[in-house]
């Protein structure tokens, strides 16, 4: 069982969660704008405009979730040594 986490570790986790959420929100906003932008800028047929808007929202939501999870998983794996039982010679 793990002991209590130090303040530095808790701060690192907080920063990583913030980074994951901000980068995911930015990526989702870019995709949403790219997909739904034409529907907002141009006169398109009703069905096509609806499809673009719904597709943009769906892609943005999926991208947000995938980006957030991937950043947090990568952060979780970074704490583990690449070769268990060995130490870094620079330490």
N, C-alpha and C. Protein backbone atom coordinates (compact mmCIF):
# COMPACT_ATOMS: atom_id res chain seq x y z
N UNK A 1 0.84 -1.18 0.00
CA UNK A 1 0.00 0.00 0.00
C UNK A 1 0.89 1.24 0.00
N UNK A 2 0.49 2.22 -0.75
CA UNK A 2 1.27 3.45 -0.85
C UNK A 2 1.10 4.30 0.39
N UNK A 3 2.17 5.02 0.69
CA UNK A 3 2.09 5.98 1.78
C UNK A 3 1.42 7.26 1.30
N UNK A 4 1.42 8.23 2.15
CA UNK A 4 0.82 9.51 1.78
C UNK A 4 1.67 10.19 0.71
N UNK A 5 1.00 10.88 -0.19
CA UNK A 5 1.71 11.60 -1.25
C UNK A 5 2.24 12.92 -0.71
N UNK A 6 3.39 13.31 -1.19
CA UNK A 6 3.97 14.58 -0.78
C UNK A 6 3.22 15.73 -1.46
N UNK A 7 3.43 16.92 -0.97
CA UNK A 7 2.79 18.10 -1.55
C UNK A 7 3.24 18.30 -2.99
N UNK A 8 4.49 18.02 -3.28
CA UNK A 8 5.01 18.18 -4.64
C UNK A 8 4.31 17.22 -5.61
N UNK A 9 4.07 16.00 -5.17
CA UNK A 9 3.39 15.03 -6.02
C UNK A 9 1.95 15.46 -6.24
N UNK A 10 1.29 15.91 -5.20
CA UNK A 10 -0.10 16.37 -5.34
C UNK A 10 -0.17 17.58 -6.28
N UNK A 11 0.79 18.48 -6.17
CA UNK A 11 0.83 19.64 -7.06
C UNK A 11 1.06 19.21 -8.51
N UNK A 12 1.95 18.26 -8.71
CA UNK A 12 2.22 17.76 -10.07
C UNK A 12 0.97 17.13 -10.67
N UNK A 13 0.23 16.40 -9.88
CA UNK A 13 -1.00 15.78 -10.36
C UNK A 13 -2.02 16.86 -10.72
N UNK A 14 -2.15 17.87 -9.88
CA UNK A 14 -3.09 18.95 -10.14
C UNK A 14 -2.74 19.68 -11.43
N UNK A 15 -1.46 19.97 -11.62
CA UNK A 15 -1.02 20.65 -12.84
C UNK A 15 -1.29 19.78 -14.05
N UNK A 16 -1.03 18.50 -13.95
CA UNK A 16 -1.25 17.60 -15.09
C UNK A 16 -2.73 17.49 -15.44
N UNK A 17 -3.59 17.45 -14.44
CA UNK A 17 -5.03 17.42 -14.71
C UNK A 17 -5.46 18.71 -15.40
N UNK A 18 -4.95 19.84 -14.92
CA UNK A 18 -5.27 21.12 -15.55
C UNK A 18 -4.79 21.16 -16.99
N UNK A 19 -3.57 20.68 -17.23
CA UNK A 19 -3.04 20.64 -18.60
C UNK A 19 -3.89 19.73 -19.48
N UNK A 20 -4.26 18.57 -18.96
CA UNK A 20 -5.07 17.64 -19.74
C UNK A 20 -6.40 18.27 -20.13
N UNK A 21 -7.05 18.93 -19.18
CA UNK A 21 -8.36 19.54 -19.47
C UNK A 21 -8.24 20.72 -20.42
N UNK A 22 -7.24 21.57 -20.22
CA UNK A 22 -7.08 22.73 -21.10
C UNK A 22 -6.69 22.33 -22.52
N UNK A 23 -5.76 21.40 -22.65
CA UNK A 23 -5.36 20.99 -24.00
C UNK A 23 -6.49 20.25 -24.70
N UNK A 24 -7.27 19.49 -23.95
CA UNK A 24 -8.41 18.78 -24.55
C UNK A 24 -9.49 19.77 -24.97
N UNK A 25 -9.73 20.78 -24.15
CA UNK A 25 -10.74 21.79 -24.51
C UNK A 25 -10.31 22.56 -25.75
N UNK A 26 -9.03 22.91 -25.83
CA UNK A 26 -8.54 23.63 -27.01
C UNK A 26 -8.68 22.77 -28.27
N UNK A 27 -8.25 21.52 -28.20
CA UNK A 27 -8.34 20.63 -29.37
C UNK A 27 -9.80 20.42 -29.78
N UNK A 28 -10.67 20.25 -28.80
CA UNK A 28 -12.09 20.06 -29.10
C UNK A 28 -12.69 21.31 -29.74
N UNK A 29 -12.30 22.49 -29.26
CA UNK A 29 -12.80 23.74 -29.84
C UNK A 29 -12.34 23.91 -31.28
N UNK A 30 -11.10 23.54 -31.55
CA UNK A 30 -10.58 23.64 -32.92
C UNK A 30 -11.36 22.71 -33.85
N UNK A 31 -11.58 21.48 -33.42
CA UNK A 31 -12.32 20.52 -34.25
C UNK A 31 -13.77 20.97 -34.43
N UNK A 32 -14.37 21.44 -33.36
CA UNK A 32 -15.76 21.92 -33.44
C UNK A 32 -15.86 23.07 -34.43
N UNK A 33 -14.93 24.01 -34.34
CA UNK A 33 -14.95 25.14 -35.27
C UNK A 33 -14.70 24.72 -36.71
N UNK A 34 -13.80 23.79 -36.89
CA UNK A 34 -13.48 23.34 -38.25
C UNK A 34 -14.64 22.60 -38.90
N UNK A 35 -15.34 21.80 -38.12
CA UNK A 35 -16.43 21.00 -38.69
C UNK A 35 -17.72 21.81 -38.79
N UNK A 36 -18.06 22.55 -37.77
CA UNK A 36 -19.32 23.29 -37.79
C UNK A 36 -19.19 24.69 -38.40
N UNK A 37 -17.98 25.16 -38.59
CA UNK A 37 -17.77 26.49 -39.16
C UNK A 37 -18.49 26.72 -40.47
N UNK A 38 -18.35 25.82 -41.43
CA UNK A 38 -19.06 26.03 -42.70
C UNK A 38 -20.57 26.14 -42.54
N UNK A 39 -21.13 25.39 -41.58
CA UNK A 39 -22.57 25.46 -41.36
C UNK A 39 -22.98 26.82 -40.81
N UNK A 40 -22.08 27.46 -40.07
CA UNK A 40 -22.39 28.76 -39.50
C UNK A 40 -22.12 29.90 -40.48
N UNK A 41 -21.16 29.71 -41.37
CA UNK A 41 -20.76 30.78 -42.28
C UNK A 41 -21.56 30.83 -43.58
N UNK A 42 -21.99 29.69 -44.06
CA UNK A 42 -22.63 29.62 -45.38
C UNK A 42 -24.07 29.15 -45.27
N UNK A 43 -24.87 29.52 -46.30
CA UNK A 43 -26.23 29.02 -46.40
C UNK A 43 -26.16 27.61 -46.96
N UNK A 44 -26.42 26.64 -46.12
CA UNK A 44 -26.39 25.24 -46.55
C UNK A 44 -27.78 24.66 -46.42
N UNK A 45 -28.05 23.59 -47.18
CA UNK A 45 -29.35 22.92 -47.02
C UNK A 45 -29.54 22.46 -45.57
N UNK A 46 -30.76 22.49 -45.09
CA UNK A 46 -31.07 22.19 -43.70
C UNK A 46 -30.50 20.89 -43.18
N UNK A 47 -30.65 19.81 -43.94
CA UNK A 47 -30.18 18.50 -43.49
C UNK A 47 -28.65 18.48 -43.39
N UNK A 48 -27.98 19.07 -44.37
CA UNK A 48 -26.52 19.08 -44.37
C UNK A 48 -25.99 19.91 -43.21
N UNK A 49 -26.64 21.03 -42.94
CA UNK A 49 -26.22 21.89 -41.83
C UNK A 49 -26.38 21.15 -40.50
N UNK A 50 -27.47 20.44 -40.35
CA UNK A 50 -27.72 19.67 -39.12
C UNK A 50 -26.69 18.58 -38.94
N UNK A 51 -26.36 17.89 -40.03
CA UNK A 51 -25.36 16.82 -39.96
C UNK A 51 -24.00 17.39 -39.57
N UNK A 52 -23.61 18.52 -40.15
CA UNK A 52 -22.33 19.13 -39.81
C UNK A 52 -22.28 19.54 -38.34
N UNK A 53 -23.33 20.13 -37.86
CA UNK A 53 -23.35 20.56 -36.46
C UNK A 53 -23.28 19.37 -35.50
N UNK A 54 -24.07 18.37 -35.76
CA UNK A 54 -24.08 17.19 -34.87
C UNK A 54 -22.76 16.43 -34.94
N UNK A 55 -22.21 16.32 -36.14
CA UNK A 55 -20.92 15.65 -36.29
C UNK A 55 -19.82 16.42 -35.57
N UNK A 56 -19.83 17.74 -35.67
CA UNK A 56 -18.84 18.56 -34.98
C UNK A 56 -18.92 18.40 -33.48
N UNK A 57 -20.12 18.41 -32.95
CA UNK A 57 -20.28 18.25 -31.49
C UNK A 57 -19.83 16.86 -31.06
N UNK A 58 -20.20 15.85 -31.82
CA UNK A 58 -19.80 14.48 -31.47
C UNK A 58 -18.29 14.31 -31.53
N UNK A 59 -17.67 14.77 -32.60
CA UNK A 59 -16.21 14.66 -32.72
C UNK A 59 -15.49 15.44 -31.62
N UNK A 60 -15.99 16.62 -31.30
CA UNK A 60 -15.36 17.42 -30.25
C UNK A 60 -15.46 16.71 -28.90
N UNK A 61 -16.60 16.13 -28.60
CA UNK A 61 -16.78 15.42 -27.32
C UNK A 61 -15.86 14.20 -27.23
N UNK A 62 -15.79 13.44 -28.32
CA UNK A 62 -14.93 12.26 -28.33
C UNK A 62 -13.46 12.67 -28.22
N UNK A 63 -13.06 13.68 -28.96
CA UNK A 63 -11.68 14.15 -28.89
C UNK A 63 -11.33 14.65 -27.50
N UNK A 64 -12.24 15.38 -26.86
CA UNK A 64 -12.00 15.87 -25.51
C UNK A 64 -11.73 14.71 -24.56
N UNK A 65 -12.57 13.69 -24.63
CA UNK A 65 -12.40 12.54 -23.72
C UNK A 65 -11.10 11.79 -24.01
N UNK A 66 -10.83 11.53 -25.27
CA UNK A 66 -9.63 10.78 -25.65
C UNK A 66 -8.37 11.54 -25.27
N UNK A 67 -8.34 12.83 -25.53
CA UNK A 67 -7.15 13.63 -25.20
C UNK A 67 -6.92 13.68 -23.69
N UNK A 68 -7.98 13.89 -22.93
CA UNK A 68 -7.85 13.95 -21.47
C UNK A 68 -7.31 12.63 -20.92
N UNK A 69 -7.89 11.54 -21.33
CA UNK A 69 -7.47 10.23 -20.84
C UNK A 69 -6.04 9.92 -21.27
N UNK A 70 -5.69 10.22 -22.52
CA UNK A 70 -4.35 9.88 -22.99
C UNK A 70 -3.27 10.68 -22.25
N UNK A 71 -3.53 11.95 -21.97
CA UNK A 71 -2.55 12.75 -21.22
C UNK A 71 -2.38 12.21 -19.81
N UNK A 72 -3.49 11.86 -19.16
CA UNK A 72 -3.40 11.38 -17.79
C UNK A 72 -2.77 9.99 -17.71
N UNK A 73 -3.02 9.14 -18.68
CA UNK A 73 -2.38 7.82 -18.70
C UNK A 73 -0.88 7.97 -18.91
N UNK A 74 -0.49 8.84 -19.84
CA UNK A 74 0.93 9.07 -20.09
C UNK A 74 1.62 9.61 -18.84
N UNK A 75 0.96 10.49 -18.10
CA UNK A 75 1.52 11.02 -16.87
C UNK A 75 1.67 9.92 -15.82
N UNK A 76 0.69 9.05 -15.72
CA UNK A 76 0.75 7.96 -14.74
C UNK A 76 1.87 6.98 -15.03
N UNK A 77 2.15 6.76 -16.29
CA UNK A 77 3.22 5.83 -16.67
C UNK A 77 4.61 6.45 -16.53
N UNK A 78 4.70 7.76 -16.54
CA UNK A 78 5.99 8.44 -16.47
C UNK A 78 6.64 8.26 -15.10
N UNK A 79 5.86 8.00 -14.07
CA UNK A 79 6.41 7.84 -12.73
C UNK A 79 7.11 6.50 -12.52
N UNK A 80 6.83 5.54 -13.38
CA UNK A 80 7.38 4.20 -13.19
C UNK A 80 8.70 4.07 -13.93
N UNK A 81 9.67 3.41 -13.33
CA UNK A 81 10.95 3.24 -14.02
C UNK A 81 10.81 2.34 -15.23
N UNK A 82 11.67 2.56 -16.21
CA UNK A 82 11.61 1.75 -17.42
C UNK A 82 12.09 0.33 -17.17
N UNK A 83 13.01 0.17 -16.22
CA UNK A 83 13.50 -1.17 -15.87
C UNK A 83 13.31 -1.35 -14.36
N UNK A 84 12.33 -2.11 -13.97
CA UNK A 84 12.09 -2.30 -12.55
C UNK A 84 13.34 -2.87 -11.85
N UNK A 85 13.63 -2.34 -10.70
CA UNK A 85 14.78 -2.82 -9.93
C UNK A 85 16.05 -2.06 -10.21
N UNK A 86 16.05 -1.24 -11.22
CA UNK A 86 17.27 -0.48 -11.52
C UNK A 86 17.08 0.97 -11.12
N UNK A 87 18.16 1.64 -10.90
CA UNK A 87 18.11 3.04 -10.52
C UNK A 87 18.78 3.87 -11.59
N UNK A 88 18.48 5.12 -11.62
CA UNK A 88 19.07 6.04 -12.57
C UNK A 88 20.49 6.36 -12.13
N UNK A 89 21.51 6.20 -12.97
CA UNK A 89 22.88 6.46 -12.56
C UNK A 89 23.13 7.93 -12.24
N UNK A 90 22.27 8.82 -12.70
CA UNK A 90 22.45 10.24 -12.44
C UNK A 90 21.91 10.66 -11.08
N UNK A 91 21.23 9.76 -10.40
CA UNK A 91 20.61 10.17 -9.13
C UNK A 91 21.57 10.12 -7.97
